[in-house]
Amino acid sequence: QKRAAHSDEAPAAGAARLAATEQDLPTHPAFATMLRKQARMRREYMQKRAADAKEASTADRKRKLRTAVDEGRTVPTELRGEADALLAEMELNGAPGPSSSTPDLDSEYASAGVADPRILLTTSHDPSSRLVQFLKEMKLVFPNTSRMNRGGHTVKQIVETCRADGFTDLVVLQEHRGVPDGLVVSHMPHGPTAYFGLANVTMRHDIEGATNMSEAYPHLVIDNLTSKVGARVATILKHLFPVPKPDSKRVVSLVNRADLLSFRHHVYAKEKADVHLYEVGPRFDLRLYQIKLGTIDQEEVENEWVLRPYMNTASKRRAL
């Protein structure tokens, strides 16, 4: 109880500190220094991403050219203008290896295993009682989570609180007419941010025979996220959970069926040769509709993936 109270007070104190000094920040030298530091870090991060993407694109063109030459086929049309230069560079450096074919899109999580994730969990403005109840249950789902009452805080203030207090992720729950219908996961300090629609939300008290919730770190079961976007979603969601101990009996499942990601939460018990599975809850379904490369407060950032209207009619097309 003391740890829970401390975790809830930390983000509230950070938000109150930001709100109390909001009027003095624009003229405060420390605030100007902080803004310059954040702008520099963001600029260096975007330059690294651009360099990685350019290197991966060059490696992919070299591989296509090497395949065409080795198999005696015609050089692809898009490579004919630079075929000689690429061949000369390949003779000097050698053909690219298989690991350089794709850009390091998950470089934001390169240091994710160094320390356990810390999550700040909040809601949209003026939440209903049902959303508040869902917020409390989700706080128990994610380990190392601090719950923050939204109040009158803006998104920018909350993001600044996350950066100042060392949170790794911000999770925002949204609703429509008292029904939870949205979940946003924003990785700190530079992104990415994933937007999900929520459907078929069932609280713990609505699940018949729901057992007590364990506080052990859960094992993750991620199924059928095989595409490039699916692997990206798996990376975003799995880094909300720390590494569990081998003897943990808590399991969180994320199963993709027709781009609908089903979230299930169980514990299991072994009795001699039998294994019994008990649902803990809550349960809900996620549908991805946007991934952007910045944090939730940044509007003018690049979209990595967006669900377009015509995709809903393509029955054979699956994004995840």
Protein backbone atom coordinates (compact mmCIF):
# COMPACT_ATOMS: atom_id res chain seq x y z
CA GLN A 1 0.00 0.00 0.00
CA LYS A 2 2.86 2.38 0.74
CA ARG A 3 4.44 1.63 -2.64
CA ALA A 4 1.10 2.18 -4.42
CA ALA A 5 0.54 5.48 -2.62
CA HIS A 6 4.04 6.62 -3.47
CA SER A 7 3.63 5.68 -7.15
CA ASP A 8 0.35 7.62 -7.36
CA GLU A 9 1.74 10.70 -5.64
CA ALA A 10 4.86 10.98 -7.81
CA PRO A 11 3.15 11.90 -11.12
CA ALA A 12 0.62 14.09 -9.32
CA ALA A 13 3.41 16.02 -7.67
CA GLY A 14 5.20 16.39 -10.99
CA ALA A 15 2.06 17.65 -12.72
CA ALA A 16 1.34 20.08 -9.89
CA ARG A 17 4.89 21.38 -10.11
CA LEU A 18 4.50 21.97 -13.83
CA ALA A 19 1.12 23.65 -13.43
CA ALA A 20 2.34 25.92 -10.62
CA THR A 21 5.30 27.18 -12.63
CA GLU A 22 3.59 27.30 -16.02
CA GLN A 23 3.41 31.12 -16.11
CA ASP A 24 7.06 31.55 -15.14
CA LEU A 25 8.48 28.94 -17.53
CA PRO A 26 8.78 31.02 -20.74
CA THR A 27 11.11 33.52 -19.04
CA HIS A 28 12.97 31.10 -16.80
CA PRO A 29 16.58 30.36 -17.98
CA ALA A 30 16.36 26.72 -16.87
CA PHE A 31 13.24 26.20 -18.97
CA ALA A 32 14.92 27.71 -22.04
CA THR A 33 17.91 25.41 -21.51
CA MET A 34 15.58 22.40 -21.19
CA LEU A 35 13.80 23.31 -24.42
CA ARG A 36 17.10 23.64 -26.29
CA LYS A 37 18.26 20.27 -24.94
CA GLN A 38 15.03 18.55 -25.99
CA ALA A 39 15.18 20.15 -29.45
CA ARG A 40 18.80 19.02 -29.87
CA MET A 41 18.03 15.46 -28.75
CA ARG A 42 15.02 15.30 -31.07
CA ARG A 43 17.09 16.64 -33.99
CA GLU A 44 19.88 14.12 -33.39
CA TYR A 45 17.34 11.31 -33.12
CA MET A 46 15.64 12.25 -36.42
CA GLN A 47 19.01 12.58 -38.17
CA LYS A 48 19.97 9.09 -37.00
CA ARG A 49 16.67 7.67 -38.26
CA ALA A 50 17.13 9.35 -41.64
CA ALA A 51 20.69 8.01 -41.93
CA ASP A 52 19.56 4.48 -40.99
CA ALA A 53 16.72 4.58 -43.52
CA LYS A 54 19.06 5.81 -46.27
CA GLU A 55 21.62 3.09 -45.49
CA ALA A 56 18.92 0.41 -45.51
CA SER A 57 17.56 1.67 -48.84
CA THR A 58 21.04 1.53 -50.39
CA ALA A 59 21.58 -2.01 -49.06
CA ASP A 60 18.24 -3.12 -50.50
CA ARG A 61 19.12 -1.73 -53.96
CA LYS A 62 22.50 -3.48 -53.84
CA ARG A 63 20.84 -6.76 -53.00
CA LYS A 64 18.39 -6.48 -55.87
CA LEU A 65 21.24 -5.68 -58.26
CA ARG A 66 23.39 -8.55 -56.96
CA THR A 67 20.48 -10.98 -57.38
CA ALA A 68 19.85 -9.83 -60.94
CA VAL A 69 23.53 -10.16 -61.89
CA ASP A 70 23.97 -13.58 -60.27
CA GLU A 71 20.84 -14.99 -61.93
CA GLY A 72 21.57 -13.43 -65.31
CA ARG A 73 18.36 -11.41 -65.38
CA THR A 74 17.79 -7.89 -66.64
CA VAL A 75 18.71 -5.15 -64.19
CA PRO A 76 15.53 -3.63 -62.68
CA THR A 77 14.44 -0.43 -64.38
CA GLU A 78 14.71 1.69 -61.26
CA LEU A 79 18.37 0.65 -60.80
CA ARG A 80 19.70 1.12 -64.33
CA GLY A 81 20.80 4.72 -63.77
CA GLU A 82 22.97 3.85 -60.77
CA ALA A 83 23.90 0.25 -61.56
CA ASP A 84 27.55 1.02 -62.38
CA ALA A 85 28.06 3.06 -59.22
CA LEU A 86 26.42 0.38 -57.07
CA LEU A 87 28.52 -2.39 -58.62
CA ALA A 88 31.71 -0.45 -58.00
CA GLU A 89 30.73 0.16 -54.40
CA MET A 90 29.82 -3.49 -53.94
CA GLU A 91 33.24 -4.57 -55.21
CA LEU A 92 34.86 -2.37 -52.60
CA ASN A 93 32.60 -3.12 -49.64
CA GLY A 94 31.14 -6.49 -50.52
CA ALA A 95 27.48 -7.45 -50.80
CA PRO A 96 25.28 -6.38 -47.90
CA GLY A 97 24.37 -8.94 -45.29
CA PRO A 98 20.83 -10.05 -44.51
CA SER A 99 20.69 -7.99 -41.30
CA SER A 100 21.02 -4.69 -43.18
CA SER A 101 18.00 -5.18 -45.42
CA THR A 102 15.57 -3.36 -43.15
CA PRO A 103 15.98 -0.13 -41.21
CA ASP A 104 16.21 -0.24 -37.45
CA LEU A 105 12.67 1.00 -36.90
CA ASP A 106 12.74 -0.07 -33.28
CA SER A 107 15.85 1.91 -32.31
CA GLU A 108 13.66 3.82 -29.81
CA TYR A 109 13.68 0.64 -27.72
CA ALA A 110 17.40 -0.09 -28.06
CA SER A 111 17.96 0.45 -24.31
CA ALA A 112 14.63 -1.01 -23.19
CA GLY A 113 16.19 -4.00 -21.43
CA VAL A 114 18.51 -1.91 -19.26
CA ALA A 115 15.76 -1.03 -16.74
CA ASP A 116 12.13 -1.98 -16.19
CA PRO A 117 9.56 0.24 -17.92
CA ARG A 118 7.75 2.92 -15.92
CA ILE A 119 4.28 3.82 -17.16
CA LEU A 120 2.09 6.83 -16.44
CA LEU A 121 -1.57 5.94 -16.87
CA THR A 122 -4.30 8.57 -17.26
CA THR A 123 -7.62 9.23 -18.99
CA SER A 124 -9.29 11.83 -21.14
CA HIS A 125 -10.87 14.89 -19.52
CA ASP A 126 -13.87 14.42 -17.20
CA PRO A 127 -13.88 10.60 -17.15
CA SER A 128 -17.01 8.64 -16.29
CA SER A 129 -17.16 6.21 -13.38
CA ARG A 130 -16.82 3.27 -15.77
CA LEU A 131 -13.66 4.68 -17.33
CA VAL A 132 -12.20 5.35 -13.87
CA GLN A 133 -12.91 1.73 -12.94
CA PHE A 134 -11.25 0.57 -16.16
CA LEU A 135 -8.27 2.82 -15.33
CA LYS A 136 -7.86 1.16 -11.92
CA GLU A 137 -7.95 -2.30 -13.47
CA MET A 138 -5.43 -1.38 -16.17
CA LYS A 139 -3.09 -0.07 -13.47
CA LEU A 140 -2.99 -3.60 -12.07
CA VAL A 141 -2.40 -5.09 -15.53
CA PHE A 142 0.78 -3.08 -16.26
CA PRO A 143 3.53 -3.48 -13.62
CA ASN A 144 5.38 -0.37 -12.39
CA THR A 145 2.44 1.88 -13.32
CA SER A 146 1.47 5.19 -11.73
CA ARG A 147 -2.10 6.42 -12.07
CA MET A 148 -2.71 10.13 -12.59
CA ASN A 149 -6.04 11.93 -12.37
CA ARG A 150 -6.39 14.00 -15.54
CA GLY A 151 -8.07 17.05 -14.03
CA GLY A 152 -7.32 20.16 -16.07
CA HIS A 153 -3.85 19.12 -17.20
CA THR A 154 -3.10 19.43 -20.90
CA VAL A 155 -1.38 16.73 -22.93
CA LYS A 156 1.77 18.85 -23.18
CA GLN A 157 1.98 19.20 -19.40
CA ILE A 158 1.56 15.46 -18.92
CA VAL A 159 4.28 14.68 -21.47
CA GLU A 160 6.64 17.12 -19.74
CA THR A 161 5.87 15.37 -16.45
CA CYS A 162 6.76 12.00 -18.01
CA ARG A 163 10.07 13.31 -19.30
CA ALA A 164 10.97 15.07 -16.06
CA ASP A 165 10.12 12.10 -13.81
CA GLY A 166 11.71 9.41 -16.00
CA PHE A 167 8.64 7.57 -17.28
CA THR A 168 9.23 5.37 -20.32
CA ASP A 169 5.63 5.30 -21.61
CA LEU A 170 2.40 7.27 -21.38
CA VAL A 171 -0.89 5.38 -21.72
CA VAL A 172 -4.12 7.36 -22.19
CA LEU A 173 -7.57 5.76 -21.97
CA GLN A 174 -10.45 7.36 -23.87
CA GLU A 175 -14.22 6.87 -23.89
CA HIS A 176 -17.43 7.74 -25.74
CA ARG A 177 -20.63 8.19 -23.72
CA GLY A 178 -19.26 6.22 -20.80
CA VAL A 179 -17.90 3.32 -22.87
CA PRO A 180 -14.09 2.92 -23.15
CA ASP A 181 -13.29 3.14 -26.86
CA GLY A 182 -9.66 4.22 -27.23
CA LEU A 183 -6.15 3.50 -25.97
CA VAL A 184 -3.05 5.54 -26.83
CA VAL A 185 0.49 4.33 -26.09
CA SER A 186 3.20 6.99 -26.39
CA HIS A 187 6.84 6.04 -25.82
CA MET A 188 9.11 8.58 -24.16
CA PRO A 189 11.02 10.70 -24.88
CA HIS A 190 10.75 10.74 -28.71
CA GLY A 191 7.99 8.31 -29.63
CA PRO A 192 6.53 6.36 -31.37
CA THR A 193 2.84 6.76 -30.51
CA ALA A 194 0.30 4.05 -31.33
CA TYR A 195 -3.46 4.72 -31.43
CA PHE A 196 -5.87 1.84 -30.86
CA GLY A 197 -9.63 1.57 -30.87
CA LEU A 198 -11.14 -0.41 -28.00
CA ALA A 199 -14.06 -2.81 -28.41
CA ASN A 200 -15.82 -5.51 -26.37
CA VAL A 201 -14.43 -4.19 -23.08
CA THR A 202 -15.34 -6.46 -20.16
CA MET A 203 -14.40 -5.43 -16.62
CA ARG A 204 -13.18 -7.85 -14.00
CA HIS A 205 -16.40 -7.74 -12.01
CA ASP A 206 -18.35 -8.67 -15.18
CA ILE A 207 -16.31 -11.84 -15.72
CA GLU A 208 -17.92 -14.79 -13.99
CA GLY A 209 -15.49 -16.59 -11.72
CA ALA A 210 -12.64 -14.09 -12.18
CA THR A 211 -9.81 -14.97 -9.81
CA ASN A 212 -7.58 -12.63 -7.82
CA MET A 213 -5.00 -10.63 -9.75
CA SER A 214 -1.36 -11.50 -9.18
CA GLU A 215 1.24 -8.73 -8.97
CA ALA A 216 3.98 -10.89 -10.47
CA TYR A 217 5.45 -9.82 -13.80
CA PRO A 218 3.48 -11.65 -16.51
CA HIS A 219 4.68 -13.82 -19.35
CA LEU A 220 3.61 -12.55 -22.78
CA VAL A 221 2.02 -14.65 -25.51
CA ILE A 222 2.00 -12.73 -28.83
CA ASP A 223 0.42 -14.61 -31.72
CA ASN A 224 0.08 -13.90 -35.46
CA LEU A 225 1.74 -10.48 -35.58
CA THR A 226 3.87 -11.44 -38.57
CA SER A 227 3.88 -8.42 -40.90
CA LYS A 228 6.15 -5.40 -40.66
CA VAL A 229 3.41 -3.33 -38.99
CA GLY A 230 2.50 -6.29 -36.77
CA ALA A 231 6.10 -6.63 -35.56
CA ARG A 232 6.11 -2.90 -34.84
CA VAL A 233 2.91 -3.19 -32.77
CA ALA A 234 4.33 -6.19 -30.91
CA THR A 235 7.44 -4.18 -30.04
CA ILE A 236 5.39 -1.23 -28.76
CA LEU A 237 3.14 -3.38 -26.58
CA LYS A 238 5.67 -5.87 -25.23
CA HIS A 239 7.90 -3.10 -23.89
CA LEU A 240 5.09 -2.05 -21.56
CA PHE A 241 5.89 -5.17 -19.53
CA PRO A 242 9.15 -5.96 -17.70
CA VAL A 243 10.96 -9.26 -18.04
CA PRO A 244 9.20 -11.86 -15.84
CA LYS A 245 10.73 -14.51 -13.63
CA PRO A 246 10.67 -18.05 -15.03
CA ASP A 247 8.34 -19.30 -12.27
CA SER A 248 5.72 -16.57 -12.79
CA LYS A 249 2.21 -18.03 -13.16
CA ARG A 250 0.66 -14.95 -14.75
CA VAL A 251 0.08 -14.81 -18.52
CA VAL A 252 -0.99 -11.92 -20.80
CA SER A 253 -2.06 -12.92 -24.32
CA LEU A 254 -2.20 -10.72 -27.42
CA VAL A 255 -3.73 -12.71 -30.27
CA ASN A 256 -4.30 -11.24 -33.73
CA ARG A 257 -7.27 -12.41 -35.75
CA ALA A 258 -8.15 -10.42 -38.89
CA ASP A 259 -6.35 -7.31 -37.54
CA LEU A 260 -8.33 -7.45 -34.29
CA LEU A 261 -5.91 -7.85 -31.39
CA SER A 262 -7.53 -9.72 -28.50
CA PHE A 263 -6.18 -9.00 -25.01
CA ARG A 264 -6.63 -11.75 -22.42
CA HIS A 265 -5.26 -12.03 -18.89
CA HIS A 266 -4.90 -15.35 -17.05
CA VAL A 267 -3.14 -17.11 -14.21
CA TYR A 268 -2.47 -20.83 -14.16
CA ALA A 269 -1.97 -23.44 -11.48
CA LYS A 270 -0.35 -26.86 -11.66
CA GLU A 271 -1.95 -29.79 -9.89
CA LYS A 272 0.08 -32.94 -10.38
CA ALA A 273 -0.10 -33.62 -14.14
CA ASP A 274 -2.87 -31.11 -14.84
CA VAL A 275 -2.64 -27.41 -15.58
CA HIS A 276 -5.66 -25.21 -14.81
CA LEU A 277 -6.11 -21.81 -16.45
CA TYR A 278 -8.12 -19.08 -14.69
CA GLU A 279 -9.13 -15.80 -16.31
CA VAL A 280 -8.31 -12.67 -14.33
CA GLY A 281 -9.55 -9.89 -16.60
CA PRO A 282 -10.12 -7.35 -17.88
CA ARG A 283 -10.62 -8.47 -21.48
CA PHE A 284 -10.93 -6.31 -24.57
CA ASP A 285 -10.08 -6.09 -28.27
CA LEU A 286 -7.71 -3.61 -29.90
CA ARG A 287 -7.77 -2.31 -33.46
CA LEU A 288 -4.79 -0.27 -34.62
CA TYR A 289 -5.56 2.82 -36.69
CA GLN A 290 -2.40 4.98 -36.52
CA ILE A 291 1.30 4.93 -35.64
CA LYS A 292 3.21 8.20 -35.67
CA LEU A 293 6.91 8.75 -35.07
CA GLY A 294 6.60 11.44 -32.40
CA THR A 295 5.04 11.70 -28.96
CA ILE A 296 1.35 12.28 -28.34
CA ASP A 297 1.74 16.05 -27.97
CA GLN A 298 3.51 16.51 -31.32
CA GLU A 299 1.17 17.20 -34.23
CA GLU A 300 3.57 17.93 -37.10
CA VAL A 301 5.30 14.56 -37.18
CA GLU A 302 5.51 11.81 -39.75
CA ASN A 303 2.94 9.02 -39.78
CA GLU A 304 4.55 5.60 -39.91
CA TRP A 305 1.24 3.85 -40.65
CA VAL A 306 -2.39 5.02 -40.92
CA LEU A 307 -5.58 3.04 -41.50
CA ARG A 308 -7.12 4.39 -44.68
CA PRO A 309 -10.82 4.11 -45.57
CA TYR A 310 -10.26 1.85 -48.58
CA MET A 311 -8.46 -0.69 -46.40
CA ASN A 312 -11.75 -1.60 -44.71
CA THR A 313 -13.16 -2.94 -47.98
CA ALA A 314 -10.13 -5.00 -48.94
CA SER A 315 -11.18 -8.28 -47.36
CA LYS A 316 -7.97 -10.06 -48.26
CA ARG A 317 -5.65 -7.33 -47.03
CA ARG A 318 -4.32 -7.64 -43.49
CA ALA A 319 -2.02 -5.05 -41.92
CA LEU A 320 -0.89 -7.02 -38.86
